[in-house]
Amino acid sequence: MSNNQNRAVDSNRRNLLIATSVAGGVGGVATLVPFVSSLEPSERAKAGGAPVEADISGLKPGEKMTVSWRGLPVWIVRRTPEELASLSKVTAELADPDSKETFSYPMPDYAKNEFRTRVEHKDLLVVVGVCTHLGCIPSGPYQAKTLPALGNDPGFLCPCHGSTYDMSGRVFKNKPAPKNLDVPRFMFVSDTKIVIGKDEKGEA
């Protein structure tokens, strides 16, 4: 075999080796991507109830943010001092002021108070924002004396059939909604982040 033929064979082998290495590398990456992605919670897992973390560092008094948990809107409301003061004033007007009857989820022990939240963070309300009448999404929060349906009180209004809730998500008397808004399990992982769907006792 001549030198030119030897060079041609070596060149072909080298090209084949490079092509095989590239194909193998691409295949390896293609295999790795779905594997790494599988380590993240899937949308189905999130919808099925995986806990959800929320950053509340930018939430100011009087503001509300919404996160999705189990396909449900969960409100996180940072209440103002005036909104907190209204809670004891409306007790006689509420259908179930002590939340003795729950709707879809059992009331966490730490939320069995008029604030319906952890007392060390009593300004922060965490509730499922779904009306307990027919599943509409209420609006609000509305400030005191800004909505005729709420009279002199701040709170939330369901636009579908007129149910109203106070600033703890407790329904007012003589409204279509039979029960208060649900309080899901939640816990603080820091002063600026909370996890919804999980607490010290485990996942909801």
N, C-alpha and C. Protein backbone atom coordinates (compact mmCIF):
# COMPACT_ATOMS: atom_id res chain seq x y z
N MET A 1 0.86 -1.19 0.00
CA MET A 1 0.00 0.00 0.00
C MET A 1 0.89 1.23 0.00
N SER A 2 0.57 2.23 -0.83
CA SER A 2 1.40 3.43 -0.93
C SER A 2 1.17 4.35 0.26
N ASN A 3 2.10 5.31 0.41
CA ASN A 3 1.98 6.29 1.50
C ASN A 3 0.70 7.11 1.38
N ASN A 4 0.36 7.46 0.13
CA ASN A 4 -0.86 8.26 -0.09
C ASN A 4 -2.11 7.49 0.35
N GLN A 5 -2.10 6.17 0.04
CA GLN A 5 -3.24 5.35 0.46
C GLN A 5 -3.31 5.25 1.98
N ASN A 6 -2.14 5.10 2.63
CA ASN A 6 -2.11 5.03 4.11
C ASN A 6 -2.65 6.31 4.72
N ARG A 7 -2.24 7.47 4.13
CA ARG A 7 -2.72 8.75 4.65
C ARG A 7 -4.24 8.86 4.51
N ALA A 8 -4.77 8.37 3.38
CA ALA A 8 -6.21 8.44 3.14
C ALA A 8 -6.97 7.58 4.14
N VAL A 9 -6.44 6.38 4.43
CA VAL A 9 -7.08 5.49 5.41
C VAL A 9 -7.06 6.12 6.79
N ASP A 10 -5.89 6.70 7.20
CA ASP A 10 -5.77 7.35 8.52
C ASP A 10 -6.74 8.53 8.63
N SER A 11 -6.84 9.29 7.53
CA SER A 11 -7.73 10.45 7.54
C SER A 11 -9.19 10.02 7.69
N ASN A 12 -9.55 8.94 6.99
CA ASN A 12 -10.92 8.43 7.09
C ASN A 12 -11.23 7.94 8.49
N ARG A 13 -10.23 7.24 9.09
CA ARG A 13 -10.43 6.75 10.46
C ARG A 13 -10.60 7.91 11.44
N ARG A 14 -9.77 8.95 11.25
CA ARG A 14 -9.84 10.10 12.14
C ARG A 14 -11.20 10.80 12.00
N ASN A 15 -11.67 10.96 10.77
CA ASN A 15 -12.97 11.59 10.54
C ASN A 15 -14.11 10.77 11.16
N LEU A 16 -13.98 9.43 11.02
CA LEU A 16 -15.00 8.55 11.59
C LEU A 16 -15.00 8.65 13.12
N LEU A 17 -13.80 8.71 13.71
CA LEU A 17 -13.68 8.81 15.16
C LEU A 17 -14.28 10.12 15.67
N ILE A 18 -14.01 11.22 14.97
CA ILE A 18 -14.55 12.53 15.36
C ILE A 18 -16.08 12.52 15.26
N ALA A 19 -16.58 11.99 14.15
CA ALA A 19 -18.04 11.96 13.95
C ALA A 19 -18.71 11.12 15.03
N THR A 20 -18.10 9.97 15.36
CA THR A 20 -18.66 9.09 16.40
C THR A 20 -18.65 9.79 17.76
N SER A 21 -17.55 10.48 18.08
CA SER A 21 -17.44 11.19 19.36
C SER A 21 -18.49 12.29 19.48
N VAL A 22 -18.66 13.05 18.38
CA VAL A 22 -19.66 14.13 18.38
C VAL A 22 -21.05 13.57 18.56
N ALA A 23 -21.37 12.51 17.81
CA ALA A 23 -22.70 11.89 17.91
C ALA A 23 -22.94 11.37 19.32
N GLY A 24 -21.89 10.76 19.89
CA GLY A 24 -22.02 10.24 21.25
C GLY A 24 -22.24 11.35 22.27
N GLY A 25 -21.51 12.47 22.07
CA GLY A 25 -21.67 13.61 22.98
C GLY A 25 -23.06 14.20 22.90
N VAL A 26 -23.57 14.38 21.67
CA VAL A 26 -24.93 14.90 21.48
C VAL A 26 -25.96 13.96 22.11
N GLY A 27 -25.76 12.67 21.88
CA GLY A 27 -26.69 11.69 22.47
C GLY A 27 -26.66 11.72 23.98
N GLY A 28 -25.44 11.91 24.55
CA GLY A 28 -25.31 11.97 26.00
C GLY A 28 -26.04 13.17 26.57
N VAL A 29 -25.87 14.33 25.91
CA VAL A 29 -26.56 15.54 26.37
C VAL A 29 -28.07 15.36 26.24
N ALA A 30 -28.50 14.79 25.11
CA ALA A 30 -29.94 14.59 24.90
C ALA A 30 -30.53 13.68 25.97
N THR A 31 -29.73 12.71 26.43
CA THR A 31 -30.20 11.81 27.49
C THR A 31 -30.20 12.51 28.85
N LEU A 32 -29.20 13.38 29.06
CA LEU A 32 -29.05 14.04 30.35
C LEU A 32 -30.13 15.09 30.60
N VAL A 33 -30.54 15.82 29.55
CA VAL A 33 -31.52 16.90 29.72
C VAL A 33 -32.82 16.41 30.35
N PRO A 34 -33.48 15.38 29.80
CA PRO A 34 -34.70 14.93 30.46
C PRO A 34 -34.46 14.37 31.86
N PHE A 35 -33.27 13.81 32.08
CA PHE A 35 -32.97 13.28 33.42
C PHE A 35 -32.91 14.41 34.43
N VAL A 36 -32.18 15.48 34.08
CA VAL A 36 -32.09 16.63 34.99
C VAL A 36 -33.46 17.27 35.17
N SER A 37 -34.21 17.39 34.08
CA SER A 37 -35.56 17.97 34.17
C SER A 37 -36.46 17.15 35.08
N SER A 38 -36.22 15.85 35.12
CA SER A 38 -37.07 14.99 35.95
C SER A 38 -36.86 15.24 37.43
N LEU A 39 -35.75 15.88 37.79
CA LEU A 39 -35.50 16.19 39.19
C LEU A 39 -36.35 17.35 39.68
N GLU A 40 -36.84 18.20 38.77
CA GLU A 40 -37.70 19.32 39.12
C GLU A 40 -39.15 18.82 39.24
N PRO A 41 -39.96 19.42 40.16
CA PRO A 41 -41.36 19.02 40.25
C PRO A 41 -42.09 19.31 38.95
N SER A 42 -42.81 18.34 38.44
CA SER A 42 -43.55 18.53 37.21
C SER A 42 -44.81 19.35 37.48
N GLU A 43 -45.41 19.86 36.39
CA GLU A 43 -46.66 20.61 36.54
C GLU A 43 -47.74 19.70 37.13
N ARG A 44 -47.70 18.43 36.74
CA ARG A 44 -48.68 17.48 37.28
C ARG A 44 -48.48 17.29 38.79
N ALA A 45 -47.20 17.24 39.19
CA ALA A 45 -46.90 17.08 40.62
C ALA A 45 -47.35 18.30 41.40
N LYS A 46 -47.11 19.49 40.81
CA LYS A 46 -47.54 20.72 41.47
C LYS A 46 -49.06 20.75 41.60
N ALA A 47 -49.75 20.37 40.51
CA ALA A 47 -51.21 20.35 40.54
C ALA A 47 -51.72 19.30 41.51
N GLY A 48 -50.93 18.23 41.69
CA GLY A 48 -51.35 17.17 42.59
C GLY A 48 -51.15 17.49 44.06
N GLY A 49 -50.49 18.61 44.34
CA GLY A 49 -50.39 19.00 45.73
C GLY A 49 -49.00 19.25 46.25
N ALA A 50 -48.00 19.27 45.38
CA ALA A 50 -46.65 19.56 45.84
C ALA A 50 -46.62 20.94 46.48
N PRO A 51 -45.92 21.10 47.61
CA PRO A 51 -45.83 22.41 48.25
C PRO A 51 -45.26 23.46 47.30
N VAL A 52 -45.67 24.69 47.50
CA VAL A 52 -45.25 25.80 46.65
C VAL A 52 -44.61 26.87 47.52
N GLU A 53 -43.45 27.36 47.10
CA GLU A 53 -42.77 28.41 47.86
C GLU A 53 -43.12 29.78 47.29
N ALA A 54 -43.32 30.76 48.17
CA ALA A 54 -43.66 32.11 47.74
C ALA A 54 -42.76 33.12 48.41
N ASP A 55 -42.26 34.05 47.62
CA ASP A 55 -41.42 35.13 48.12
C ASP A 55 -42.31 36.31 48.47
N ILE A 56 -42.36 36.69 49.73
CA ILE A 56 -43.24 37.77 50.17
C ILE A 56 -42.45 39.04 50.52
N SER A 57 -41.19 39.09 50.11
CA SER A 57 -40.34 40.22 50.48
C SER A 57 -40.85 41.55 49.94
N GLY A 58 -41.54 41.51 48.79
CA GLY A 58 -42.03 42.75 48.19
C GLY A 58 -43.47 43.07 48.52
N LEU A 59 -44.11 42.26 49.36
CA LEU A 59 -45.53 42.44 49.67
C LEU A 59 -45.69 43.52 50.74
N LYS A 60 -46.34 44.60 50.37
CA LYS A 60 -46.50 45.74 51.28
C LYS A 60 -47.86 45.68 51.98
N PRO A 61 -48.00 46.37 53.13
CA PRO A 61 -49.30 46.41 53.83
C PRO A 61 -50.41 46.86 52.90
N GLY A 62 -51.51 46.12 52.93
CA GLY A 62 -52.65 46.43 52.07
C GLY A 62 -52.61 45.73 50.73
N GLU A 63 -51.51 45.01 50.43
CA GLU A 63 -51.38 44.33 49.14
C GLU A 63 -51.67 42.84 49.24
N LYS A 64 -52.02 42.27 48.09
CA LYS A 64 -52.32 40.84 47.98
C LYS A 64 -51.54 40.26 46.82
N MET A 65 -51.02 39.06 47.00
CA MET A 65 -50.44 38.32 45.89
C MET A 65 -51.12 36.96 45.82
N THR A 66 -51.10 36.36 44.64
CA THR A 66 -51.77 35.08 44.44
C THR A 66 -50.76 34.07 43.89
N VAL A 67 -50.74 32.89 44.49
CA VAL A 67 -49.92 31.79 43.97
C VAL A 67 -50.84 30.59 43.73
N SER A 68 -50.41 29.74 42.83
CA SER A 68 -51.22 28.56 42.50
C SER A 68 -50.74 27.35 43.28
N TRP A 69 -51.66 26.69 43.96
CA TRP A 69 -51.37 25.46 44.70
C TRP A 69 -52.52 24.48 44.47
N ARG A 70 -52.18 23.29 43.99
CA ARG A 70 -53.19 22.29 43.62
C ARG A 70 -54.21 22.84 42.63
N GLY A 71 -53.75 23.74 41.77
CA GLY A 71 -54.63 24.34 40.78
C GLY A 71 -55.57 25.37 41.37
N LEU A 72 -55.37 25.74 42.63
CA LEU A 72 -56.23 26.72 43.30
C LEU A 72 -55.47 28.01 43.52
N PRO A 73 -56.18 29.15 43.46
CA PRO A 73 -55.52 30.42 43.79
C PRO A 73 -55.42 30.57 45.30
N VAL A 74 -54.21 30.75 45.79
CA VAL A 74 -54.01 30.99 47.23
C VAL A 74 -53.58 32.44 47.39
N TRP A 75 -54.36 33.16 48.20
CA TRP A 75 -54.05 34.57 48.44
C TRP A 75 -53.09 34.69 49.61
N ILE A 76 -52.16 35.59 49.47
CA ILE A 76 -51.29 36.00 50.58
C ILE A 76 -51.50 37.51 50.71
N VAL A 77 -52.08 37.92 51.82
CA VAL A 77 -52.44 39.32 52.03
C VAL A 77 -51.69 39.85 53.24
N ARG A 78 -51.00 40.97 53.04
CA ARG A 78 -50.37 41.63 54.18
C ARG A 78 -51.32 42.72 54.68
N ARG A 79 -51.96 42.45 55.80
CA ARG A 79 -53.00 43.35 56.30
C ARG A 79 -52.42 44.56 57.01
N THR A 80 -53.13 45.66 56.89
CA THR A 80 -52.73 46.90 57.56
C THR A 80 -53.22 46.84 59.02
N PRO A 81 -52.69 47.71 59.88
CA PRO A 81 -53.19 47.76 61.27
C PRO A 81 -54.69 48.03 61.33
N GLU A 82 -55.20 48.85 60.43
CA GLU A 82 -56.63 49.15 60.40
C GLU A 82 -57.44 47.90 60.03
N GLU A 83 -56.93 47.13 59.09
CA GLU A 83 -57.63 45.90 58.68
C GLU A 83 -57.62 44.88 59.82
N LEU A 84 -56.52 44.79 60.54
CA LEU A 84 -56.46 43.88 61.69
C LEU A 84 -57.42 44.33 62.79
N ALA A 85 -57.52 45.63 63.00
CA ALA A 85 -58.42 46.17 64.03
C ALA A 85 -59.88 45.90 63.70
N SER A 86 -60.20 45.76 62.42
CA SER A 86 -61.60 45.53 62.02
C SER A 86 -62.09 44.14 62.39
N LEU A 87 -61.19 43.20 62.61
CA LEU A 87 -61.58 41.80 62.82
C LEU A 87 -62.45 41.63 64.05
N SER A 88 -62.11 42.25 65.14
CA SER A 88 -62.90 42.10 66.37
C SER A 88 -64.20 42.90 66.29
N LYS A 89 -64.26 43.89 65.45
CA LYS A 89 -65.45 44.73 65.34
C LYS A 89 -66.59 44.04 64.59
N VAL A 90 -66.27 43.09 63.72
CA VAL A 90 -67.30 42.47 62.88
C VAL A 90 -67.75 41.10 63.38
N THR A 91 -67.24 40.68 64.53
CA THR A 91 -67.52 39.32 65.02
C THR A 91 -69.00 38.98 65.04
N ALA A 92 -69.82 39.88 65.52
CA ALA A 92 -71.27 39.61 65.63
C ALA A 92 -71.95 39.51 64.27
N GLU A 93 -71.31 39.98 63.23
CA GLU A 93 -71.89 39.97 61.89
C GLU A 93 -71.50 38.74 61.07
N LEU A 94 -70.67 37.88 61.65
CA LEU A 94 -70.14 36.74 60.91
C LEU A 94 -70.94 35.46 61.14
N ALA A 95 -71.00 34.61 60.13
CA ALA A 95 -71.74 33.35 60.24
C ALA A 95 -71.01 32.34 61.13
N ASP A 96 -69.70 32.32 61.06
CA ASP A 96 -68.90 31.37 61.83
C ASP A 96 -67.59 32.05 62.25
N PRO A 97 -67.67 32.95 63.23
CA PRO A 97 -66.48 33.74 63.59
C PRO A 97 -65.30 32.92 64.09
N ASP A 98 -65.56 31.76 64.68
CA ASP A 98 -64.49 30.92 65.22
C ASP A 98 -64.05 29.81 64.27
N SER A 99 -64.58 29.83 63.06
CA SER A 99 -64.23 28.83 62.04
C SER A 99 -64.37 27.41 62.56
N LYS A 100 -65.52 27.13 63.17
CA LYS A 100 -65.76 25.78 63.70
C LYS A 100 -66.04 24.77 62.59
N GLU A 101 -66.58 25.26 61.46
CA GLU A 101 -66.84 24.39 60.32
C GLU A 101 -65.90 24.77 59.18
N THR A 102 -65.18 23.79 58.68
CA THR A 102 -64.28 24.06 57.57
C THR A 102 -64.90 23.60 56.26
N PHE A 103 -64.31 24.05 55.17
CA PHE A 103 -64.87 23.76 53.85
C PHE A 103 -64.20 22.54 53.23
N SER A 104 -63.04 22.70 52.62
CA SER A 104 -62.36 21.58 51.97
C SER A 104 -61.15 21.06 52.73
N TYR A 105 -60.55 21.90 53.54
CA TYR A 105 -59.33 21.52 54.26
C TYR A 105 -59.50 21.79 55.75
N PRO A 106 -58.98 20.91 56.60
CA PRO A 106 -59.07 21.16 58.04
C PRO A 106 -58.26 22.38 58.43
N MET A 107 -58.75 23.11 59.41
CA MET A 107 -58.07 24.32 59.86
C MET A 107 -56.80 23.95 60.64
N PRO A 108 -55.65 24.47 60.24
CA PRO A 108 -54.43 24.21 61.03
C PRO A 108 -54.57 24.79 62.44
N ASP A 109 -53.99 24.12 63.42
CA ASP A 109 -54.11 24.57 64.81
C ASP A 109 -53.62 26.00 65.00
N TYR A 110 -52.54 26.35 64.31
CA TYR A 110 -51.96 27.68 64.49
C TYR A 110 -52.83 28.79 63.89
N ALA A 111 -53.86 28.42 63.14
CA ALA A 111 -54.75 29.42 62.55
C ALA A 111 -56.09 29.51 63.28
N LYS A 112 -56.21 28.84 64.41
CA LYS A 112 -57.47 28.88 65.17
C LYS A 112 -57.48 30.08 66.10
N ASN A 113 -57.56 31.25 65.49
CA ASN A 113 -57.63 32.52 66.19
C ASN A 113 -58.33 33.52 65.28
N GLU A 114 -58.65 34.70 65.78
CA GLU A 114 -59.41 35.64 64.95
C GLU A 114 -58.62 36.11 63.73
N PHE A 115 -57.30 36.01 63.79
CA PHE A 115 -56.48 36.42 62.66
C PHE A 115 -56.40 35.32 61.60
N ARG A 116 -56.73 34.09 62.00
CA ARG A 116 -56.71 32.90 61.15
C ARG A 116 -55.35 32.72 60.47
N THR A 117 -54.31 32.91 61.26
CA THR A 117 -52.94 32.77 60.77
C THR A 117 -52.02 32.53 61.95
N ARG A 118 -50.74 32.47 61.69
CA ARG A 118 -49.75 32.32 62.76
C ARG A 118 -49.64 33.65 63.51
N VAL A 119 -49.81 33.60 64.82
CA VAL A 119 -49.89 34.85 65.59
C VAL A 119 -48.58 35.63 65.55
N GLU A 120 -47.45 34.95 65.32
CA GLU A 120 -46.18 35.67 65.24
C GLU A 120 -46.07 36.47 63.94
N HIS A 121 -46.98 36.18 62.99
CA HIS A 121 -47.06 36.94 61.73
C HIS A 121 -48.54 37.26 61.49
N LYS A 122 -49.19 37.85 62.47
CA LYS A 122 -50.64 38.01 62.38
C LYS A 122 -51.10 38.94 61.26
N ASP A 123 -50.17 39.74 60.72
CA ASP A 123 -50.57 40.61 59.61
C ASP A 123 -50.72 39.84 58.31
N LEU A 124 -50.18 38.63 58.23
CA LEU A 124 -50.16 37.88 56.98
C LEU A 124 -51.30 36.85 56.92
N LEU A 125 -52.24 37.08 56.03
CA LEU A 125 -53.37 36.16 55.82
C LEU A 125 -53.04 35.25 54.63
N VAL A 126 -53.26 33.95 54.82
CA VAL A 126 -53.06 32.97 53.74
C VAL A 126 -54.35 32.16 53.63
N VAL A 127 -55.08 32.33 52.54
CA VAL A 127 -56.35 31.61 52.34
C VAL A 127 -56.49 31.18 50.88
N VAL A 128 -57.29 30.15 50.68
CA VAL A 128 -57.64 29.74 49.32
C VAL A 128 -58.71 30.70 48.81
N GLY A 129 -58.40 31.40 47.73
CA GLY A 129 -59.30 32.43 47.21
C GLY A 129 -60.40 31.89 46.32
N VAL A 130 -61.17 30.96 46.85
CA VAL A 130 -62.30 30.38 46.12
C VAL A 130 -63.53 30.46 46.99
N CYS A 131 -64.58 31.10 46.50
CA CYS A 131 -65.82 31.25 47.26
C CYS A 131 -66.40 29.88 47.60
N THR A 132 -66.85 29.73 48.83
CA THR A 132 -67.38 28.44 49.27
C THR A 132 -68.82 28.22 48.84
N HIS A 133 -69.37 29.12 48.04
CA HIS A 133 -70.72 28.93 47.52
C HIS A 133 -70.68 28.05 46.28
N LEU A 134 -70.22 28.61 45.16
CA LEU A 134 -70.17 27.85 43.91
C LEU A 134 -68.81 27.92 43.23
N GLY A 135 -67.77 28.31 43.98
CA GLY A 135 -66.43 28.23 43.44
C GLY A 135 -65.97 29.42 42.61
N CYS A 136 -66.67 30.54 42.68
CA CYS A 136 -66.19 31.74 41.99
C CYS A 136 -64.97 32.31 42.72
N ILE A 137 -64.31 33.25 42.09
CA ILE A 137 -63.13 33.88 42.68
C ILE A 137 -63.53 35.26 43.22
N PRO A 138 -63.52 35.45 44.53
CA PRO A 138 -63.86 36.77 45.08
C PRO A 138 -62.82 37.82 44.68
N SER A 139 -63.18 39.07 44.83
CA SER A 139 -62.27 40.17 44.55
C SER A 139 -61.98 40.95 45.83
N GLY A 140 -60.96 41.76 45.80
CA GLY A 140 -60.56 42.51 46.98
C GLY A 140 -59.11 42.24 47.29
N PRO A 141 -58.64 42.74 48.42
CA PRO A 141 -59.43 43.35 49.49
C PRO A 141 -59.87 44.78 49.18
N TYR A 142 -61.05 45.12 49.71
CA TYR A 142 -61.58 46.46 49.60
C TYR A 142 -61.40 47.17 50.94
N GLN A 143 -61.05 48.43 50.87
CA GLN A 143 -60.89 49.22 52.08
C GLN A 143 -62.25 49.55 52.68
N ALA A 144 -62.26 49.94 53.94
CA ALA A 144 -63.51 50.29 54.63
C ALA A 144 -64.21 51.44 53.91
N LYS A 145 -65.52 51.34 53.84
CA LYS A 145 -66.40 52.38 53.28
C LYS A 145 -66.20 52.64 51.79
N THR A 146 -65.63 51.67 51.08
CA THR A 146 -65.45 51.85 49.63
C THR A 146 -66.39 50.96 48.82
N LEU A 147 -67.07 50.02 49.49
CA LEU A 147 -67.95 49.09 48.79
C LEU A 147 -69.26 48.95 49.57
N PRO A 148 -70.39 49.33 48.96
CA PRO A 148 -71.67 49.26 49.67
C PRO A 148 -71.97 47.88 50.26
N ALA A 149 -71.59 46.82 49.55
CA ALA A 149 -71.90 45.47 50.03
C ALA A 149 -71.20 45.15 51.35
N LEU A 150 -70.08 45.82 51.62
CA LEU A 150 -69.34 45.59 52.86
C LEU A 150 -69.62 46.65 53.92
N GLY A 151 -70.38 47.66 53.56
CA GLY A 151 -70.72 48.70 54.53
C GLY A 151 -69.49 49.45 54.99
N ASN A 152 -69.30 49.53 56.30
CA ASN A 152 -68.17 50.26 56.87
C ASN A 152 -66.93 49.40 57.05
N ASP A 153 -66.99 48.16 56.60
CA ASP A 153 -65.92 47.22 56.88
C ASP A 153 -65.06 46.94 55.65
N PRO A 154 -63.77 46.67 55.87
CA PRO A 154 -62.94 46.19 54.75
C PRO A 154 -63.20 44.70 54.53
N GLY A 155 -62.85 44.19 53.39
CA GLY A 155 -63.03 42.75 53.16
C GLY A 155 -63.02 42.38 51.70
N PHE A 156 -63.65 41.25 51.41
CA PHE A 156 -63.66 40.67 50.07
C PHE A 156 -65.11 40.46 49.61
N LEU A 157 -65.33 40.55 48.31
CA LEU A 157 -66.66 40.36 47.72
C LEU A 157 -66.59 39.34 46.61
N CYS A 158 -67.52 38.38 46.62
CA CYS A 158 -67.66 37.46 45.50
C CYS A 158 -68.64 38.09 44.52
N PRO A 159 -68.20 38.44 43.30
CA PRO A 159 -69.07 39.13 42.36
C PRO A 159 -70.18 38.26 41.77
N CYS A 160 -70.06 36.95 41.91
CA CYS A 160 -71.05 36.06 41.29
C CYS A 160 -72.42 36.15 41.99
N HIS A 161 -72.41 36.02 43.32
CA HIS A 161 -73.69 35.99 44.04
C HIS A 161 -73.71 36.85 45.30
N GLY A 162 -72.68 37.67 45.48
CA GLY A 162 -72.72 38.67 46.53
C GLY A 162 -72.25 38.26 47.91
N SER A 163 -71.60 37.11 48.04
CA SER A 163 -71.07 36.74 49.36
C SER A 163 -69.93 37.68 49.73
N THR A 164 -69.86 38.03 51.00
CA THR A 164 -68.80 38.92 51.47
C THR A 164 -68.05 38.26 52.62
N TYR A 165 -66.76 38.58 52.68
CA TYR A 165 -65.87 38.00 53.69
C TYR A 165 -65.09 39.12 54.37
N ASP A 166 -64.78 38.92 55.64
CA ASP A 166 -63.97 39.92 56.35
C ASP A 166 -62.49 39.75 56.00
N MET A 167 -61.64 40.50 56.66
CA MET A 167 -60.22 40.48 56.34
C MET A 167 -59.49 39.25 56.87
N SER A 168 -60.23 38.31 57.44
CA SER A 168 -59.68 37.00 57.78
C SER A 168 -60.29 35.90 56.91
N GLY A 169 -61.09 36.31 55.92
CA GLY A 169 -61.73 35.33 55.05
C GLY A 169 -62.92 34.64 55.67
N ARG A 170 -63.53 35.29 56.69
CA ARG A 170 -64.72 34.72 57.34
C ARG A 170 -65.97 35.32 56.69
N VAL A 171 -66.92 34.47 56.36
CA VAL A 171 -68.10 34.92 55.63
C VAL A 171 -69.08 35.63 56.57
N PHE A 172 -69.70 36.68 56.05
CA PHE A 172 -70.72 37.40 56.80
C PHE A 172 -72.04 36.62 56.79
N LYS A 173 -72.88 36.90 57.76
CA LYS A 173 -74.18 36.21 57.88
C LYS A 173 -75.08 36.53 56.69
N ASN A 174 -76.04 35.60 56.48
CA ASN A 174 -77.09 35.77 55.48
C ASN A 174 -76.54 35.98 54.07
N LYS A 175 -75.50 35.26 53.76
CA LYS A 175 -74.91 35.30 52.43
C LYS A 175 -75.01 33.91 51.80
N PRO A 176 -74.92 33.81 50.46
CA PRO A 176 -75.01 32.48 49.83
C PRO A 176 -73.90 31.52 50.25
N ALA A 177 -72.69 32.04 50.48
CA ALA A 177 -71.57 31.16 50.86
C ALA A 177 -71.82 30.58 52.24
N PRO A 178 -71.74 29.26 52.40
CA PRO A 178 -72.06 28.63 53.68
C PRO A 178 -70.90 28.63 54.68
N LYS A 179 -69.66 28.76 54.20
CA LYS A 179 -68.51 28.61 55.09
C LYS A 179 -67.42 29.62 54.78
N ASN A 180 -66.49 29.72 55.70
CA ASN A 180 -65.35 30.62 55.54
C ASN A 180 -64.39 30.10 54.47
N LEU A 181 -63.54 30.99 53.99
CA LEU A 181 -62.50 30.57 53.04
C LEU A 181 -61.52 29.63 53.74
N ASP A 182 -61.02 28.66 53.00
CA ASP A 182 -60.08 27.69 53.56
C ASP A 182 -58.73 28.32 53.88
N VAL A 183 -58.13 27.87 54.97
CA VAL A 183 -56.74 28.21 55.30
C VAL A 183 -55.91 26.95 55.05
N PRO A 184 -55.02 26.97 54.07
CA PRO A 184 -54.19 25.79 53.81
C PRO A 184 -53.05 25.71 54.83
N ARG A 185 -52.42 24.56 54.89
CA ARG A 185 -51.20 24.47 55.70
C ARG A 185 -50.13 25.36 55.08
N PHE A 186 -49.38 26.04 55.93
CA PHE A 186 -48.27 26.84 55.43
C PHE A 186 -47.27 27.07 56.55
N MET A 187 -46.07 27.41 56.17
CA MET A 187 -45.04 27.68 57.16
C MET A 187 -44.01 28.65 56.59
N PHE A 188 -43.33 29.35 57.48
CA PHE A 188 -42.28 30.27 57.08
C PHE A 188 -40.96 29.50 57.00
N VAL A 189 -40.23 29.69 55.91
CA VAL A 189 -38.89 29.14 55.81
C VAL A 189 -37.86 30.23 56.07
N SER A 190 -38.31 31.48 56.01
CA SER A 190 -37.50 32.63 56.40
C SER A 190 -38.47 33.78 56.61
N ASP A 191 -37.96 34.95 56.94
CA ASP A 191 -38.84 36.10 57.13
C ASP A 191 -39.46 36.58 55.83
N THR A 192 -38.91 36.15 54.71
CA THR A 192 -39.39 36.63 53.42
C THR A 192 -39.95 35.54 52.51
N LYS A 193 -39.93 34.29 52.98
CA LYS A 193 -40.44 33.19 52.15
C LYS A 193 -41.32 32.26 52.97
N ILE A 194 -42.43 31.85 52.34
CA ILE A 194 -43.29 30.86 52.97
C ILE A 194 -43.52 29.70 52.02
N VAL A 195 -43.87 28.57 52.59
CA VAL A 195 -44.22 27.39 51.80
C VAL A 195 -45.70 27.10 52.04
N ILE A 196 -46.45 26.95 50.97
CA ILE A 196 -47.87 26.64 51.04
C ILE A 196 -48.07 25.18 50.73
N GLY A 197 -48.89 24.51 51.56
CA GLY A 197 -49.15 23.09 51.36
C GLY A 197 -48.32 22.21 52.27
N LYS A 198 -47.59 22.83 53.18
CA LYS A 198 -46.73 22.07 54.08
C LYS A 198 -46.52 22.86 55.36
N ASP A 199 -46.45 22.15 56.48
CA ASP A 199 -46.08 22.78 57.74
C ASP A 199 -45.26 21.80 58.58
N GLU A 200 -45.12 22.07 59.86
CA GLU A 200 -44.30 21.24 60.71
C GLU A 200 -44.81 19.79 60.82
N LYS A 201 -46.08 19.59 60.52
CA LYS A 201 -46.66 18.24 60.60
C LYS A 201 -46.56 17.48 59.27
N GLY A 202 -46.06 18.14 58.25
CA GLY A 202 -45.93 17.49 56.95
C GLY A 202 -46.76 18.18 55.88
N GLU A 203 -46.90 17.50 54.74
CA GLU A 203 -47.64 18.08 53.62
C GLU A 203 -49.14 17.90 53.81
N ALA A 204 -49.89 18.81 53.21
CA ALA A 204 -51.35 18.77 53.30
C ALA A 204 -51.89 17.58 52.50
